[in-house]
Amino acid sequence: MYLEDILSVCLQGLNSRYPDHVIDINLEIMTLTDIDAKGWKADELIKHLNEKAPHFLQKMARMIVDSCETVIYLLDISEETPALWLHCQGKLPPCHEHSRKAQKVGQQNMIANL
């Protein structure tokens, strides 16, 4: 899969094509403060960026998902160093729950399983 569009469209495409995915943020490229860099879902990341750094969502991006790499580059920052690492094939790392609603649901499920 190859897509070159603004970041929000790339993330929506990832969410549509690979609903079971995990995103890790390269904080050297996307200078965000007070953020967990690992375990994001596309919809959570879009919501977070819309609230905290909406300019990132409008940046031109290149998403590549193939056998060699699964990444998103922000083209005006770096075409060599990924801004986001995508995990969408094979064994996936754990997904963290970044939204408060998702955290509450996760806590309720943990309590119910006790």
C-alpha atoms as a PDB file:
ATOM      1  CA  MET A   1       0.000   0.000   0.000  1.00  0.00           C
ATOM      2  CA  TYR A   2       1.341   3.393  -0.964  1.00  0.00           C
ATOM      3  CA  LEU A   3      -0.442   6.655  -0.276  1.00  0.00           C
ATOM      4  CA  GLU A   4       0.763  10.229  -0.576  1.00  0.00           C
ATOM      5  CA  ASP A   5      -1.663  12.760   0.904  1.00  0.00           C
ATOM      6  CA  ILE A   6      -2.031  14.828   4.059  1.00  0.00           C
ATOM      7  CA  LEU A   7      -1.367  12.965   7.311  1.00  0.00           C
ATOM      8  CA  SER A   8      -5.021  12.810   8.372  1.00  0.00           C
ATOM      9  CA  VAL A   9      -5.961  11.049   5.107  1.00  0.00           C
ATOM     10  CA  CYS A  10      -3.057   8.594   5.483  1.00  0.00           C
ATOM     11  CA  LEU A  11      -4.137   7.743   9.033  1.00  0.00           C
ATOM     12  CA  GLN A  12      -7.757   7.284   7.932  1.00  0.00           C
ATOM     13  CA  GLY A  13      -6.576   5.011   5.112  1.00  0.00           C
ATOM     14  CA  LEU A  14      -4.520   2.963   7.556  1.00  0.00           C
ATOM     15  CA  ASN A  15      -7.508   2.626   9.868  1.00  0.00           C
ATOM     16  CA  SER A  16      -9.733   1.545   6.987  1.00  0.00           C
ATOM     17  CA  ARG A  17      -7.346  -0.952   5.395  1.00  0.00           C
ATOM     18  CA  TYR A  18      -5.768  -2.349   8.587  1.00  0.00           C
ATOM     19  CA  PRO A  19      -8.232  -2.015  11.486  1.00  0.00           C
ATOM     20  CA  ASP A  20      -5.905  -4.062  13.721  1.00  0.00           C
ATOM     21  CA  HIS A  21      -2.904  -1.757  13.713  1.00  0.00           C
ATOM     22  CA  VAL A  22      -0.621  -0.031  16.189  1.00  0.00           C
ATOM     23  CA  ILE A  23       1.277   3.214  15.633  1.00  0.00           C
ATOM     24  CA  ASP A  24       4.484   4.363  17.321  1.00  0.00           C
ATOM     25  CA  ILE A  25       5.476   8.028  17.086  1.00  0.00           C
ATOM     26  CA  ASN A  26       9.014   9.196  16.325  1.00  0.00           C
ATOM     27  CA  LEU A  27       9.281  12.118  18.735  1.00  0.00           C
ATOM     28  CA  GLU A  28      12.457  13.323  17.022  1.00  0.00           C
ATOM     29  CA  ILE A  29      10.374  14.122  13.925  1.00  0.00           C
ATOM     30  CA  MET A  30       7.015  14.959  15.509  1.00  0.00           C
ATOM     31  CA  THR A  31       7.991  17.263  18.337  1.00  0.00           C
ATOM     32  CA  LEU A  32       5.151  16.612  20.766  1.00  0.00           C
ATOM     33  CA  THR A  33       5.378  17.051  24.520  1.00  0.00           C
ATOM     34  CA  ASP A  34       3.852  14.969  27.284  1.00  0.00           C
ATOM     35  CA  ILE A  35       2.831  12.120  25.000  1.00  0.00           C
ATOM     36  CA  ASP A  36       3.293   8.387  25.120  1.00  0.00           C
ATOM     37  CA  ALA A  37       5.075   7.544  21.863  1.00  0.00           C
ATOM     38  CA  LYS A  38       3.913   3.932  21.646  1.00  0.00           C
ATOM     39  CA  GLY A  39       0.721   2.005  21.113  1.00  0.00           C
ATOM     40  CA  TRP A  40      -1.614   4.384  19.267  1.00  0.00           C
ATOM     41  CA  LYS A  41      -4.603   3.625  17.061  1.00  0.00           C
ATOM     42  CA  ALA A  42      -5.142   5.952  14.099  1.00  0.00           C
ATOM     43  CA  ASP A  43      -8.439   7.381  15.344  1.00  0.00           C
ATOM     44  CA  GLU A  44      -6.967   8.144  18.777  1.00  0.00           C
ATOM     45  CA  LEU A  45      -3.921   9.788  17.213  1.00  0.00           C
ATOM     46  CA  ILE A  46      -6.071  11.911  14.893  1.00  0.00           C
ATOM     47  CA  LYS A  47      -8.156  13.063  17.846  1.00  0.00           C
ATOM     48  CA  HIS A  48      -5.075  13.831  19.954  1.00  0.00           C
ATOM     49  CA  LEU A  49      -3.310  15.713  17.164  1.00  0.00           C
ATOM     50  CA  ASN A  50      -6.497  17.636  16.346  1.00  0.00           C
ATOM     51  CA  GLU A  51      -6.571  18.880  19.947  1.00  0.00           C
ATOM     52  CA  LYS A  52      -2.842  19.415  20.607  1.00  0.00           C
ATOM     53  CA  ALA A  53      -1.062  19.895  17.259  1.00  0.00           C
ATOM     54  CA  PRO A  54      -3.535  20.212  14.362  1.00  0.00           C
ATOM     55  CA  HIS A  55      -0.855  21.503  11.991  1.00  0.00           C
ATOM     56  CA  PHE A  56       0.617  17.978  11.792  1.00  0.00           C
ATOM     57  CA  LEU A  57      -2.635  16.602  10.354  1.00  0.00           C
ATOM     58  CA  GLN A  58      -2.369  18.967   7.367  1.00  0.00           C
ATOM     59  CA  LYS A  59       1.247  18.117   6.498  1.00  0.00           C
ATOM     60  CA  MET A  60       1.937  16.164   3.318  1.00  0.00           C
ATOM     61  CA  ALA A  61       2.775  12.579   4.170  1.00  0.00           C
ATOM     62  CA  ARG A  62       3.840   9.402   2.426  1.00  0.00           C
ATOM     63  CA  MET A  63       2.540   6.120   3.848  1.00  0.00           C
ATOM     64  CA  ILE A  64       4.281   2.925   2.789  1.00  0.00           C
ATOM     65  CA  VAL A  65       3.073  -0.520   3.815  1.00  0.00           C
ATOM     66  CA  ASP A  66       4.952  -3.299   2.086  1.00  0.00           C
ATOM     67  CA  SER A  67       7.275  -6.193   2.867  1.00  0.00           C
ATOM     68  CA  CYS A  68      10.245  -3.854   3.446  1.00  0.00           C
ATOM     69  CA  GLU A  69       8.798  -1.036   5.530  1.00  0.00           C
ATOM     70  CA  THR A  70       5.608   0.086   7.232  1.00  0.00           C
ATOM     71  CA  VAL A  71       5.989   3.787   7.927  1.00  0.00           C
ATOM     72  CA  ILE A  72       4.677   7.282   7.401  1.00  0.00           C
ATOM     73  CA  TYR A  73       7.039  10.094   6.423  1.00  0.00           C
ATOM     74  CA  LEU A  74       6.186  13.770   6.819  1.00  0.00           C
ATOM     75  CA  LEU A  75       7.585  15.029   3.538  1.00  0.00           C
ATOM     76  CA  ASP A  76       8.446  18.601   4.533  1.00  0.00           C
ATOM     77  CA  ILE A  77      10.348  17.374   7.621  1.00  0.00           C
ATOM     78  CA  SER A  78      12.147  14.230   6.424  1.00  0.00           C
ATOM     79  CA  GLU A  79      11.802  11.814   3.530  1.00  0.00           C
ATOM     80  CA  GLU A  80      14.443   9.541   5.079  1.00  0.00           C
ATOM     81  CA  THR A  81      13.415   9.268   8.724  1.00  0.00           C
ATOM     82  CA  PRO A  82       9.879   8.048   9.477  1.00  0.00           C
ATOM     83  CA  ALA A  83       7.573  10.179  11.597  1.00  0.00           C
ATOM     84  CA  LEU A  84       5.404   7.169  12.428  1.00  0.00           C
ATOM     85  CA  TRP A  85       6.167   3.472  12.551  1.00  0.00           C
ATOM     86  CA  LEU A  86       3.186   1.306  11.657  1.00  0.00           C
ATOM     87  CA  HIS A  87       2.537  -2.190  12.925  1.00  0.00           C
ATOM     88  CA  CYS A  88      -0.241  -3.718  10.872  1.00  0.00           C
ATOM     89  CA  GLN A  89       0.962  -7.135   9.721  1.00  0.00           C
ATOM     90  CA  GLY A  90       2.129 -10.178  11.643  1.00  0.00           C
ATOM     91  CA  LYS A  91       2.597 -10.011  15.392  1.00  0.00           C
ATOM     92  CA  LEU A  92       1.517  -6.600  16.692  1.00  0.00           C
ATOM     93  CA  PRO A  93       2.853  -4.843  19.802  1.00  0.00           C
ATOM     94  CA  PRO A  94       0.317  -4.000  22.497  1.00  0.00           C
ATOM     95  CA  CYS A  95      -2.034  -1.114  21.874  1.00  0.00           C
ATOM     96  CA  HIS A  96      -2.242   1.394  24.718  1.00  0.00           C
ATOM     97  CA  GLU A  97      -5.511   3.081  25.526  1.00  0.00           C
ATOM     98  CA  HIS A  98      -4.871   6.797  25.155  1.00  0.00           C
ATOM     99  CA  SER A  99      -8.381   8.203  25.278  1.00  0.00           C
ATOM    100  CA  ARG A 100     -10.139   8.528  28.615  1.00  0.00           C
ATOM    101  CA  LYS A 101     -13.187   6.672  27.326  1.00  0.00           C
ATOM    102  CA  ALA A 102     -11.043   3.736  26.158  1.00  0.00           C
ATOM    103  CA  GLN A 103      -9.186   3.726  29.476  1.00  0.00           C
ATOM    104  CA  LYS A 104     -12.476   3.540  31.410  1.00  0.00           C
ATOM    105  CA  VAL A 105     -13.712   0.656  29.265  1.00  0.00           C
ATOM    106  CA  GLY A 106     -10.388  -1.147  29.763  1.00  0.00           C
ATOM    107  CA  GLN A 107     -10.579  -0.667  33.530  1.00  0.00           C
ATOM    108  CA  GLN A 108     -14.185  -1.902  33.631  1.00  0.00           C
ATOM    109  CA  ASN A 109     -13.223  -4.992  31.614  1.00  0.00           C
ATOM    110  CA  MET A 110     -10.337  -5.693  34.013  1.00  0.00           C
ATOM    111  CA  ILE A 111     -12.640  -5.400  37.038  1.00  0.00           C
ATOM    112  CA  ALA A 112     -15.266  -7.611  35.407  1.00  0.00           C
ATOM    113  CA  ASN A 113     -12.654 -10.307  34.770  1.00  0.00           C
ATOM    114  CA  LEU A 114     -11.564 -10.423  38.433  1.00  0.00           C
END
